[in-house]
């Protein structure tokens, strides 16, 4: 399955595992990479030295390419970038910020850079900044989202029409049929996040994994648009948000309810009542916890089966 993404990252399959906070540690990243995809360590929930430890453990666990996802709004961004360079990481996915800030520095260090966007405008800005690939993410995705609320189905062909560098589709993709659909729309590869939350190697709390497996269509919603749009599972915390919105709250009131470390409380520590449970709409198609290797195999098998079925028609 060779194309621009497999060539760029030197991987077997054009499947990237999303670098999600509180989920994507070295165990998950190395397992995905060993299975032929591109594993990403999620730096967004790690202190600098914790990230260094995860990078070092990942290097010991796999001899395949892996990368680090770095939110550009990270408070210790300078230290994070320096650690990535010092540890010899070869691939970095940046998100939530201006790609011009660190792309040149990363590329000077010999690092391949991809940037996550939610619109055509930002895809072109990322390309102009010199990134090697763009991840275009529709608002079906879990966690933090773009304000445009553009679906993957419409975003990918619009970005493809304007972009010349490799394009990775994200948002609502968790199986082989979704991967094929994204590539028909113009993507060179896919980034899969939510499906890997419910993996054996994920560092998410087992209670959160179980809740994802039980989720059905309509069990997620997009909220907190005044702060930073986020898609999460409905629970008591989300009900509190709904009630607060009825009062036309200020940003300060929303921040007060959100508090600190609520995503850690829900996703990592397993508080399914008061925690923030970030997951995408594809959760309605996730029915069991599997190993990362099995998930990759399932996606590739279904992808190839779908192509075969189409060719028979």
C-alpha atoms as a PDB file:
ATOM      1  CA  UNK A   1       0.000   0.000   0.000  1.00  0.00           C
ATOM      2  CA  UNK A   2       2.569   2.531  -1.190  1.00  0.00           C
ATOM      3  CA  UNK A   3       1.729   6.205  -1.739  1.00  0.00           C
ATOM      4  CA  UNK A   4       2.899   9.708  -0.787  1.00  0.00           C
ATOM      5  CA  UNK A   5       2.218   9.196   2.933  1.00  0.00           C
ATOM      6  CA  UNK A   6       3.922   5.818   3.248  1.00  0.00           C
ATOM      7  CA  UNK A   7       6.900   7.215   1.338  1.00  0.00           C
ATOM      8  CA  UNK A   8       7.022  10.391   3.437  1.00  0.00           C
ATOM      9  CA  UNK A   9       6.985   8.626   6.808  1.00  0.00           C
ATOM     10  CA  UNK A  10       8.583   5.352   5.663  1.00  0.00           C
ATOM     11  CA  UNK A  11       5.691   3.241   6.964  1.00  0.00           C
ATOM     12  CA  UNK A  12       3.786   0.237   5.599  1.00  0.00           C
ATOM     13  CA  UNK A  13       0.234   1.607   5.725  1.00  0.00           C
ATOM     14  CA  UNK A  14      -0.972   5.223   5.346  1.00  0.00           C
ATOM     15  CA  UNK A  15      -2.537   5.107   8.802  1.00  0.00           C
ATOM     16  CA  UNK A  16      -1.533   7.614  11.495  1.00  0.00           C
ATOM     17  CA  UNK A  17      -2.592   7.165  15.117  1.00  0.00           C
ATOM     18  CA  UNK A  18      -3.775  10.442  16.602  1.00  0.00           C
ATOM     19  CA  UNK A  19      -1.541  11.923  19.318  1.00  0.00           C
ATOM     20  CA  UNK A  20      -4.323  12.313  21.876  1.00  0.00           C
ATOM     21  CA  UNK A  21      -3.902  13.718  25.375  1.00  0.00           C
ATOM     22  CA  UNK A  22      -4.038  11.180  28.237  1.00  0.00           C
ATOM     23  CA  UNK A  23      -4.288   8.357  25.701  1.00  0.00           C
ATOM     24  CA  UNK A  24      -1.264   8.285  23.401  1.00  0.00           C
ATOM     25  CA  UNK A  25       1.779   7.251  25.381  1.00  0.00           C
ATOM     26  CA  UNK A  26       4.787   5.228  24.283  1.00  0.00           C
ATOM     27  CA  UNK A  27       2.970   1.884  24.552  1.00  0.00           C
ATOM     28  CA  UNK A  28       0.290   2.865  22.048  1.00  0.00           C
ATOM     29  CA  UNK A  29       2.650   4.725  19.716  1.00  0.00           C
ATOM     30  CA  UNK A  30       5.149   1.862  19.550  1.00  0.00           C
ATOM     31  CA  UNK A  31       2.402  -0.749  19.070  1.00  0.00           C
ATOM     32  CA  UNK A  32       0.914   1.159  16.129  1.00  0.00           C
ATOM     33  CA  UNK A  33       4.322   1.674  14.557  1.00  0.00           C
ATOM     34  CA  UNK A  34       5.214  -1.989  14.999  1.00  0.00           C
ATOM     35  CA  UNK A  35       1.939  -2.886  13.237  1.00  0.00           C
ATOM     36  CA  UNK A  36       2.862  -0.831  10.159  1.00  0.00           C
ATOM     37  CA  UNK A  37       1.189   2.498  10.910  1.00  0.00           C
ATOM     38  CA  UNK A  38       2.650   5.696  12.318  1.00  0.00           C
ATOM     39  CA  UNK A  39       2.357   5.940  16.087  1.00  0.00           C
ATOM     40  CA  UNK A  40       2.308   9.350  17.738  1.00  0.00           C
ATOM     41  CA  UNK A  41       3.073  10.258  21.340  1.00  0.00           C
ATOM     42  CA  UNK A  42       0.654  12.918  22.578  1.00  0.00           C
ATOM     43  CA  UNK A  43       2.789  15.612  24.207  1.00  0.00           C
ATOM     44  CA  UNK A  44      -0.205  17.781  25.133  1.00  0.00           C
ATOM     45  CA  UNK A  45      -0.706  16.099  28.508  1.00  0.00           C
ATOM     46  CA  UNK A  46       2.970  15.601  29.390  1.00  0.00           C
ATOM     47  CA  UNK A  47       5.481  17.661  31.314  1.00  0.00           C
ATOM     48  CA  UNK A  48       8.734  18.027  29.338  1.00  0.00           C
ATOM     49  CA  UNK A  49      10.671  15.358  31.238  1.00  0.00           C
ATOM     50  CA  UNK A  50       7.715  12.970  31.051  1.00  0.00           C
ATOM     51  CA  UNK A  51       7.735  13.407  27.293  1.00  0.00           C
ATOM     52  CA  UNK A  52      11.458  12.668  27.203  1.00  0.00           C
ATOM     53  CA  UNK A  53      10.835   9.439  29.117  1.00  0.00           C
ATOM     54  CA  UNK A  54       8.080   8.397  26.680  1.00  0.00           C
ATOM     55  CA  UNK A  55      10.277   9.112  23.666  1.00  0.00           C
ATOM     56  CA  UNK A  56      13.131   7.070  25.116  1.00  0.00           C
ATOM     57  CA  UNK A  57      10.839   4.143  25.956  1.00  0.00           C
ATOM     58  CA  UNK A  58       9.254   4.294  22.506  1.00  0.00           C
ATOM     59  CA  UNK A  59      12.684   4.104  20.859  1.00  0.00           C
ATOM     60  CA  UNK A  60      13.395   0.948  22.843  1.00  0.00           C
ATOM     61  CA  UNK A  61      10.000  -0.587  22.013  1.00  0.00           C
ATOM     62  CA  UNK A  62      10.135  -0.121  18.237  1.00  0.00           C
ATOM     63  CA  UNK A  63      12.680   0.256  15.464  1.00  0.00           C
ATOM     64  CA  UNK A  64       9.964   1.648  13.189  1.00  0.00           C
ATOM     65  CA  UNK A  65       9.213   5.352  12.602  1.00  0.00           C
ATOM     66  CA  UNK A  66       7.129   7.133  15.235  1.00  0.00           C
ATOM     67  CA  UNK A  67       6.426  10.772  15.986  1.00  0.00           C
ATOM     68  CA  UNK A  68       5.239  13.282  18.576  1.00  0.00           C
ATOM     69  CA  UNK A  69       2.119  15.425  18.430  1.00  0.00           C
ATOM     70  CA  UNK A  70       2.758  18.926  19.818  1.00  0.00           C
ATOM     71  CA  UNK A  71      -0.021  21.465  20.494  1.00  0.00           C
ATOM     72  CA  UNK A  72       1.595  24.823  19.710  1.00  0.00           C
ATOM     73  CA  UNK A  73      -0.203  26.492  22.619  1.00  0.00           C
ATOM     74  CA  UNK A  74       1.668  24.243  25.071  1.00  0.00           C
ATOM     75  CA  UNK A  75       3.085  26.440  27.889  1.00  0.00           C
ATOM     76  CA  UNK A  76       6.512  24.736  27.767  1.00  0.00           C
ATOM     77  CA  UNK A  77       6.685  24.653  23.979  1.00  0.00           C
ATOM     78  CA  UNK A  78      10.322  25.795  23.719  1.00  0.00           C
ATOM     79  CA  UNK A  79      11.493  23.086  26.099  1.00  0.00           C
ATOM     80  CA  UNK A  80       9.323  20.494  24.353  1.00  0.00           C
ATOM     81  CA  UNK A  81      10.788  21.336  20.940  1.00  0.00           C
ATOM     82  CA  UNK A  82      14.323  21.176  22.339  1.00  0.00           C
ATOM     83  CA  UNK A  83      13.703  17.733  23.875  1.00  0.00           C
ATOM     84  CA  UNK A  84      12.282  16.448  20.586  1.00  0.00           C
ATOM     85  CA  UNK A  85      15.413  17.618  18.756  1.00  0.00           C
ATOM     86  CA  UNK A  86      17.777  16.292  21.431  1.00  0.00           C
ATOM     87  CA  UNK A  87      16.110  12.870  21.414  1.00  0.00           C
ATOM     88  CA  UNK A  88      16.330  12.577  17.636  1.00  0.00           C
ATOM     89  CA  UNK A  89      12.604  12.329  16.934  1.00  0.00           C
ATOM     90  CA  UNK A  90      12.156  12.246  13.151  1.00  0.00           C
ATOM     91  CA  UNK A  91       8.465  13.151  12.810  1.00  0.00           C
ATOM     92  CA  UNK A  92       6.417  15.886  14.493  1.00  0.00           C
ATOM     93  CA  UNK A  93       2.733  16.692  14.097  1.00  0.00           C
ATOM     94  CA  UNK A  94       1.882  20.207  15.249  1.00  0.00           C
ATOM     95  CA  UNK A  95      -1.581  21.482  16.086  1.00  0.00           C
ATOM     96  CA  UNK A  96      -3.509  24.272  17.809  1.00  0.00           C
ATOM     97  CA  UNK A  97      -1.359  27.167  16.710  1.00  0.00           C
ATOM     98  CA  UNK A  98       0.622  28.931  14.025  1.00  0.00           C
ATOM     99  CA  UNK A  99       2.776  26.477  11.997  1.00  0.00           C
ATOM    100  CA  UNK A 100       5.228  29.214  11.011  1.00  0.00           C
ATOM    101  CA  UNK A 101       6.481  29.483  14.594  1.00  0.00           C
ATOM    102  CA  UNK A 102       8.499  26.259  14.771  1.00  0.00           C
ATOM    103  CA  UNK A 103       8.357  24.537  11.366  1.00  0.00           C
ATOM    104  CA  UNK A 104      11.630  25.996  10.066  1.00  0.00           C
ATOM    105  CA  UNK A 105      13.466  25.076  13.270  1.00  0.00           C
ATOM    106  CA  UNK A 106      12.127  21.511  13.199  1.00  0.00           C
ATOM    107  CA  UNK A 107      12.948  21.024   9.530  1.00  0.00           C
ATOM    108  CA  UNK A 108      16.455  22.413  10.055  1.00  0.00           C
ATOM    109  CA  UNK A 109      16.898  19.592  12.569  1.00  0.00           C
ATOM    110  CA  UNK A 110      15.927  17.072   9.879  1.00  0.00           C
ATOM    111  CA  UNK A 111      12.412  16.515  11.205  1.00  0.00           C
ATOM    112  CA  UNK A 112       9.420  15.791   8.954  1.00  0.00           C
ATOM    113  CA  UNK A 113       6.556  18.102   9.946  1.00  0.00           C
ATOM    114  CA  UNK A 114       2.793  17.724   9.527  1.00  0.00           C
ATOM    115  CA  UNK A 115       0.259  20.262  10.775  1.00  0.00           C
ATOM    116  CA  UNK A 116      -3.381  19.733  11.785  1.00  0.00           C
ATOM    117  CA  UNK A 117      -5.960  22.152  10.334  1.00  0.00           C
ATOM    118  CA  UNK A 118      -9.730  22.515  10.130  1.00  0.00           C
ATOM    119  CA  UNK A 119     -10.113  24.691   7.027  1.00  0.00           C
ATOM    120  CA  UNK A 120      -8.749  25.365   3.556  1.00  0.00           C
ATOM    121  CA  UNK A 121      -7.355  28.715   4.694  1.00  0.00           C
ATOM    122  CA  UNK A 122      -5.242  27.165   7.427  1.00  0.00           C
ATOM    123  CA  UNK A 123      -4.184  24.284   5.175  1.00  0.00           C
ATOM    124  CA  UNK A 124      -2.713  26.789   2.728  1.00  0.00           C
ATOM    125  CA  UNK A 125      -1.015  28.699   5.550  1.00  0.00           C
ATOM    126  CA  UNK A 126       0.550  25.454   6.743  1.00  0.00           C
ATOM    127  CA  UNK A 127       1.749  24.665   3.226  1.00  0.00           C
ATOM    128  CA  UNK A 128       3.227  28.157   2.910  1.00  0.00           C
ATOM    129  CA  UNK A 129       4.969  27.636   6.269  1.00  0.00           C
ATOM    130  CA  UNK A 130       6.867  24.713   4.736  1.00  0.00           C
ATOM    131  CA  UNK A 131       5.234  21.705   6.394  1.00  0.00           C
ATOM    132  CA  UNK A 132       5.602  18.354   4.646  1.00  0.00           C
ATOM    133  CA  UNK A 133       1.964  17.275   5.016  1.00  0.00           C
ATOM    134  CA  UNK A 134      -1.355  18.579   6.265  1.00  0.00           C
ATOM    135  CA  UNK A 135      -3.917  16.796   8.443  1.00  0.00           C
ATOM    136  CA  UNK A 136      -7.384  18.121   7.609  1.00  0.00           C
ATOM    137  CA  UNK A 137      -9.725  17.291  10.483  1.00  0.00           C
ATOM    138  CA  UNK A 138     -13.496  17.422  10.254  1.00  0.00           C
ATOM    139  CA  UNK A 139     -15.662  18.312  13.224  1.00  0.00           C
ATOM    140  CA  UNK A 140     -16.749  14.694  13.715  1.00  0.00           C
ATOM    141  CA  UNK A 141     -13.434  14.295  15.532  1.00  0.00           C
ATOM    142  CA  UNK A 142     -13.162  13.928  19.276  1.00  0.00           C
ATOM    143  CA  UNK A 143     -11.411  16.442  21.482  1.00  0.00           C
ATOM    144  CA  UNK A 144     -10.605  19.965  20.354  1.00  0.00           C
ATOM    145  CA  UNK A 145     -12.073  20.968  17.043  1.00  0.00           C
ATOM    146  CA  UNK A 146     -12.098  23.783  14.529  1.00  0.00           C
ATOM    147  CA  UNK A 147     -14.631  26.568  14.839  1.00  0.00           C
ATOM    148  CA  UNK A 148     -15.771  26.103  11.239  1.00  0.00           C
ATOM    149  CA  UNK A 149     -17.742  22.920  11.993  1.00  0.00           C
ATOM    150  CA  UNK A 150     -16.889  21.576   8.539  1.00  0.00           C
ATOM    151  CA  UNK A 151     -17.393  17.838   8.144  1.00  0.00           C
ATOM    152  CA  UNK A 152     -14.624  15.569   6.917  1.00  0.00           C
ATOM    153  CA  UNK A 153     -16.736  14.620   3.897  1.00  0.00           C
ATOM    154  CA  UNK A 154     -16.714  18.216   2.632  1.00  0.00           C
ATOM    155  CA  UNK A 155     -13.376  19.407   4.076  1.00  0.00           C
ATOM    156  CA  UNK A 156     -11.126  16.831   2.386  1.00  0.00           C
ATOM    157  CA  UNK A 157     -12.101  17.542  -1.245  1.00  0.00           C
ATOM    158  CA  UNK A 158     -11.991  21.301  -0.624  1.00  0.00           C
ATOM    159  CA  UNK A 159      -8.480  21.096   0.816  1.00  0.00           C
ATOM    160  CA  UNK A 160      -7.374  18.646  -1.882  1.00  0.00           C
ATOM    161  CA  UNK A 161      -8.465  21.096  -4.564  1.00  0.00           C
ATOM    162  CA  UNK A 162      -6.002  23.722  -3.277  1.00  0.00           C
ATOM    163  CA  UNK A 163      -3.155  21.731  -1.739  1.00  0.00           C
ATOM    164  CA  UNK A 164      -0.086  20.320  -3.475  1.00  0.00           C
ATOM    165  CA  UNK A 165       1.588  18.552  -0.513  1.00  0.00           C
ATOM    166  CA  UNK A 166       0.354  15.220   0.936  1.00  0.00           C
ATOM    167  CA  UNK A 167      -3.027  15.301   2.668  1.00  0.00           C
ATOM    168  CA  UNK A 168      -4.118  13.217   5.656  1.00  0.00           C
ATOM    169  CA  UNK A 169      -7.819  13.000   6.520  1.00  0.00           C
ATOM    170  CA  UNK A 170      -9.014  12.963  10.136  1.00  0.00           C
ATOM    171  CA  UNK A 171     -12.337  13.068  11.926  1.00  0.00           C
ATOM    172  CA  UNK A 172     -14.887  10.262  11.903  1.00  0.00           C
ATOM    173  CA  UNK A 173     -12.495   7.647  10.505  1.00  0.00           C
ATOM    174  CA  UNK A 174     -12.151   4.429  12.451  1.00  0.00           C
ATOM    175  CA  UNK A 175     -12.420   1.560  10.001  1.00  0.00           C
ATOM    176  CA  UNK A 176     -11.399   0.484   6.499  1.00  0.00           C
ATOM    177  CA  UNK A 177     -14.490   1.788   4.764  1.00  0.00           C
ATOM    178  CA  UNK A 178     -13.931   5.202   6.302  1.00  0.00           C
ATOM    179  CA  UNK A 179     -10.323   5.085   5.165  1.00  0.00           C
ATOM    180  CA  UNK A 180     -11.352   4.228   1.614  1.00  0.00           C
ATOM    181  CA  UNK A 181     -13.964   6.990   1.566  1.00  0.00           C
ATOM    182  CA  UNK A 182     -11.383   9.546   2.732  1.00  0.00           C
ATOM    183  CA  UNK A 183      -8.921   8.476   0.054  1.00  0.00           C
ATOM    184  CA  UNK A 184     -11.578   8.570  -2.663  1.00  0.00           C
ATOM    185  CA  UNK A 185     -12.272  12.140  -1.562  1.00  0.00           C
ATOM    186  CA  UNK A 186      -8.603  12.997  -2.120  1.00  0.00           C
ATOM    187  CA  UNK A 187      -6.684  12.069   1.026  1.00  0.00           C
ATOM    188  CA  UNK A 188      -3.343  10.292   0.765  1.00  0.00           C
ATOM    189  CA  UNK A 189      -3.771   8.745   4.202  1.00  0.00           C
ATOM    190  CA  UNK A 190      -5.844   8.871   7.368  1.00  0.00           C
ATOM    191  CA  UNK A 191      -5.365   9.822  10.990  1.00  0.00           C
ATOM    192  CA  UNK A 192      -7.330   7.626  13.400  1.00  0.00           C
ATOM    193  CA  UNK A 193      -7.870   8.818  16.951  1.00  0.00           C
ATOM    194  CA  UNK A 194     -10.971   7.586  18.746  1.00  0.00           C
ATOM    195  CA  UNK A 195     -10.623   3.961  17.620  1.00  0.00           C
ATOM    196  CA  UNK A 196      -7.258   3.773  19.372  1.00  0.00           C
ATOM    197  CA  UNK A 197      -8.726   5.127  22.612  1.00  0.00           C
ATOM    198  CA  UNK A 198     -10.396   1.714  22.933  1.00  0.00           C
ATOM    199  CA  UNK A 199      -7.159  -0.191  22.449  1.00  0.00           C
ATOM    200  CA  UNK A 200      -5.315  -2.376  24.937  1.00  0.00           C
ATOM    201  CA  UNK A 201      -2.218  -0.170  24.761  1.00  0.00           C
ATOM    202  CA  UNK A 202      -4.082   3.093  25.222  1.00  0.00           C
ATOM    203  CA  UNK A 203      -3.346   4.832  28.523  1.00  0.00           C
ATOM    204  CA  UNK A 204      -7.006   5.845  28.851  1.00  0.00           C
ATOM    205  CA  UNK A 205      -8.774   4.584  31.979  1.00  0.00           C
ATOM    206  CA  UNK A 206     -10.570   1.260  31.497  1.00  0.00           C
ATOM    207  CA  UNK A 207     -13.846   2.843  32.572  1.00  0.00           C
ATOM    208  CA  UNK A 208     -13.525   5.418  29.803  1.00  0.00           C
ATOM    209  CA  UNK A 209     -12.723   2.676  27.276  1.00  0.00           C
ATOM    210  CA  UNK A 210     -15.815   0.745  28.375  1.00  0.00           C
ATOM    211  CA  UNK A 211     -17.971   3.848  28.005  1.00  0.00           C
ATOM    212  CA  UNK A 212     -16.642   4.429  24.487  1.00  0.00           C
ATOM    213  CA  UNK A 213     -17.500   0.847  23.528  1.00  0.00           C
ATOM    214  CA  UNK A 214     -21.072   1.341  24.807  1.00  0.00           C
ATOM    215  CA  UNK A 215     -21.539   4.667  22.978  1.00  0.00           C
ATOM    216  CA  UNK A 216     -24.150   5.001  20.255  1.00  0.00           C
ATOM    217  CA  UNK A 217     -24.875   7.625  17.624  1.00  0.00           C
ATOM    218  CA  UNK A 218     -25.881  10.879  19.276  1.00  0.00           C
ATOM    219  CA  UNK A 219     -23.898  10.212  22.462  1.00  0.00           C
ATOM    220  CA  UNK A 220     -21.332  12.947  21.718  1.00  0.00           C
ATOM    221  CA  UNK A 221     -21.731  16.661  21.197  1.00  0.00           C
ATOM    222  CA  UNK A 222     -19.635  19.720  20.420  1.00  0.00           C
ATOM    223  CA  UNK A 223     -19.488  22.375  23.126  1.00  0.00           C
ATOM    224  CA  UNK A 224     -17.434  25.159  24.737  1.00  0.00           C
ATOM    225  CA  UNK A 225     -17.133  26.969  21.400  1.00  0.00           C
ATOM    226  CA  UNK A 226     -16.481  30.257  23.199  1.00  0.00           C
ATOM    227  CA  UNK A 227     -13.288  28.805  24.686  1.00  0.00           C
ATOM    228  CA  UNK A 228     -12.090  26.093  22.295  1.00  0.00           C
ATOM    229  CA  UNK A 229     -14.645  23.788  20.643  1.00  0.00           C
ATOM    230  CA  UNK A 230     -14.446  20.270  22.044  1.00  0.00           C
ATOM    231  CA  UNK A 231     -16.375  17.073  21.258  1.00  0.00           C
ATOM    232  CA  UNK A 232     -17.078  14.817  24.199  1.00  0.00           C
ATOM    233  CA  UNK A 233     -19.338  12.075  25.483  1.00  0.00           C
ATOM    234  CA  UNK A 234     -22.513  13.108  27.253  1.00  0.00           C
ATOM    235  CA  UNK A 235     -22.399  12.660  31.034  1.00  0.00           C
ATOM    236  CA  UNK A 236     -23.210  14.615  34.190  1.00  0.00           C
ATOM    237  CA  UNK A 237     -20.557  17.223  33.409  1.00  0.00           C
ATOM    238  CA  UNK A 238     -21.989  17.780  29.930  1.00  0.00           C
ATOM    239  CA  UNK A 239     -25.477  18.075  31.443  1.00  0.00           C
ATOM    240  CA  UNK A 240     -24.128  20.808  33.727  1.00  0.00           C
ATOM    241  CA  UNK A 241     -22.792  22.607  30.662  1.00  0.00           C
ATOM    242  CA  UNK A 242     -26.169  22.399  28.942  1.00  0.00           C
ATOM    243  CA  UNK A 243     -27.880  23.900  31.994  1.00  0.00           C
ATOM    244  CA  UNK A 244     -25.277  26.654  32.274  1.00  0.00           C
ATOM    245  CA  UNK A 245     -25.705  27.597  28.614  1.00  0.00           C
ATOM    246  CA  UNK A 246     -29.388  28.296  29.281  1.00  0.00           C
ATOM    247  CA  UNK A 247     -28.239  31.301  31.354  1.00  0.00           C
ATOM    248  CA  UNK A 248     -26.168  32.795  28.508  1.00  0.00           C
ATOM    249  CA  UNK A 249     -22.931  32.426  30.500  1.00  0.00           C
ATOM    250  CA  UNK A 250     -19.804  34.517  30.152  1.00  0.00           C
ATOM    251  CA  UNK A 251     -16.449  32.960  29.263  1.00  0.00           C
ATOM    252  CA  UNK A 252     -15.437  33.377  32.889  1.00  0.00           C
ATOM    253  CA  UNK A 253     -18.446  31.342  34.054  1.00  0.00           C
ATOM    254  CA  UNK A 254     -17.660  28.606  31.532  1.00  0.00           C
ATOM    255  CA  UNK A 255     -14.043  28.515  32.667  1.00  0.00           C
ATOM    256  CA  UNK A 256     -15.158  28.279  36.294  1.00  0.00           C
ATOM    257  CA  UNK A 257     -17.333  25.238  35.574  1.00  0.00           C
ATOM    258  CA  UNK A 258     -14.646  23.634  33.427  1.00  0.00           C
ATOM    259  CA  UNK A 259     -12.050  24.056  36.153  1.00  0.00           C
ATOM    260  CA  UNK A 260      -8.627  22.459  35.858  1.00  0.00           C
ATOM    261  CA  UNK A 261      -7.564  19.036  34.640  1.00  0.00           C
ATOM    262  CA  UNK A 262     -11.095  17.877  33.900  1.00  0.00           C
ATOM    263  CA  UNK A 263      -9.947  15.875  30.856  1.00  0.00           C
ATOM    264  CA  UNK A 264      -7.346  14.118  33.011  1.00  0.00           C
ATOM    265  CA  UNK A 265     -10.023  13.422  35.615  1.00  0.00           C
ATOM    266  CA  UNK A 266     -12.275  11.747  33.068  1.00  0.00           C
ATOM    267  CA  UNK A 267     -10.054  10.127  30.458  1.00  0.00           C
ATOM    268  CA  UNK A 268      -7.045   9.146  32.575  1.00  0.00           C
ATOM    269  CA  UNK A 269      -8.403   8.815  36.110  1.00  0.00           C
ATOM    270  CA  UNK A 270     -11.797   7.394  35.158  1.00  0.00           C
ATOM    271  CA  UNK A 271     -14.249   9.873  36.674  1.00  0.00           C
ATOM    272  CA  UNK A 272     -17.085   9.158  34.250  1.00  0.00           C
ATOM    273  CA  UNK A 273     -19.481  11.516  36.039  1.00  0.00           C
ATOM    274  CA  UNK A 274     -17.569  14.771  36.468  1.00  0.00           C
ATOM    275  CA  UNK A 275     -14.778  14.200  33.946  1.00  0.00           C
ATOM    276  CA  UNK A 276     -14.429  15.528  30.413  1.00  0.00           C
ATOM    277  CA  UNK A 277     -14.602  12.485  28.114  1.00  0.00           C
ATOM    278  CA  UNK A 278     -13.212  13.520  24.741  1.00  0.00           C
ATOM    279  CA  UNK A 279     -14.187  11.185  21.895  1.00  0.00           C
ATOM    280  CA  UNK A 280     -15.400  11.426  18.307  1.00  0.00           C
ATOM    281  CA  UNK A 281     -18.671  10.508  16.637  1.00  0.00           C
ATOM    282  CA  UNK A 282     -17.082   7.313  15.297  1.00  0.00           C
ATOM    283  CA  UNK A 283     -17.438   5.937  18.850  1.00  0.00           C
ATOM    284  CA  UNK A 284     -20.840   4.634  17.755  1.00  0.00           C
ATOM    285  CA  UNK A 285     -18.972   2.110  15.572  1.00  0.00           C
ATOM    286  CA  UNK A 286     -16.487   0.995  18.237  1.00  0.00           C
ATOM    287  CA  UNK A 287     -17.787  -2.188  19.827  1.00  0.00           C
ATOM    288  CA  UNK A 288     -14.825  -3.741  21.631  1.00  0.00           C
ATOM    289  CA  UNK A 289     -11.384  -3.063  23.013  1.00  0.00           C
ATOM    290  CA  UNK A 290      -8.674  -4.603  20.831  1.00  0.00           C
ATOM    291  CA  UNK A 291      -4.912  -4.471  20.549  1.00  0.00           C
ATOM    292  CA  UNK A 292      -3.454  -1.758  18.324  1.00  0.00           C
ATOM    293  CA  UNK A 293      -2.149  -4.464  16.012  1.00  0.00           C
ATOM    294  CA  UNK A 294      -5.632  -5.955  15.615  1.00  0.00           C
ATOM    295  CA  UNK A 295      -7.093  -2.522  14.909  1.00  0.00           C
ATOM    296  CA  UNK A 296      -4.558  -1.884  12.139  1.00  0.00           C
ATOM    297  CA  UNK A 297      -5.214  -5.327  10.649  1.00  0.00           C
ATOM    298  CA  UNK A 298      -8.994  -4.766  10.774  1.00  0.00           C
ATOM    299  CA  UNK A 299      -8.714  -1.405   9.030  1.00  0.00           C
ATOM    300  CA  UNK A 300      -6.469  -2.750   6.269  1.00  0.00           C
ATOM    301  CA  UNK A 301      -8.617  -5.880   5.768  1.00  0.00           C
ATOM    302  CA  UNK A 302     -11.848  -3.885   5.535  1.00  0.00           C
ATOM    303  CA  UNK A 303     -10.193  -1.330   3.242  1.00  0.00           C
ATOM    304  CA  UNK A 304      -9.078  -4.015   0.811  1.00  0.00           C
ATOM    305  CA  UNK A 305     -12.409  -5.855   1.060  1.00  0.00           C
ATOM    306  CA  UNK A 306     -14.324  -2.661   0.254  1.00  0.00           C
ATOM    307  CA  UNK A 307     -12.173  -2.063  -2.822  1.00  0.00           C
ATOM    308  CA  UNK A 308     -12.813  -5.635  -3.954  1.00  0.00           C
ATOM    309  CA  UNK A 309     -16.564  -5.235  -3.501  1.00  0.00           C
ATOM    310  CA  UNK A 310     -16.596  -2.005  -5.499  1.00  0.00           C
ATOM    311  CA  UNK A 311     -14.602  -3.612  -8.311  1.00  0.00           C
ATOM    312  CA  UNK A 312     -17.203  -6.373  -8.561  1.00  0.00           C
ATOM    313  CA  UNK A 313     -20.062  -3.957  -9.200  1.00  0.00           C
END
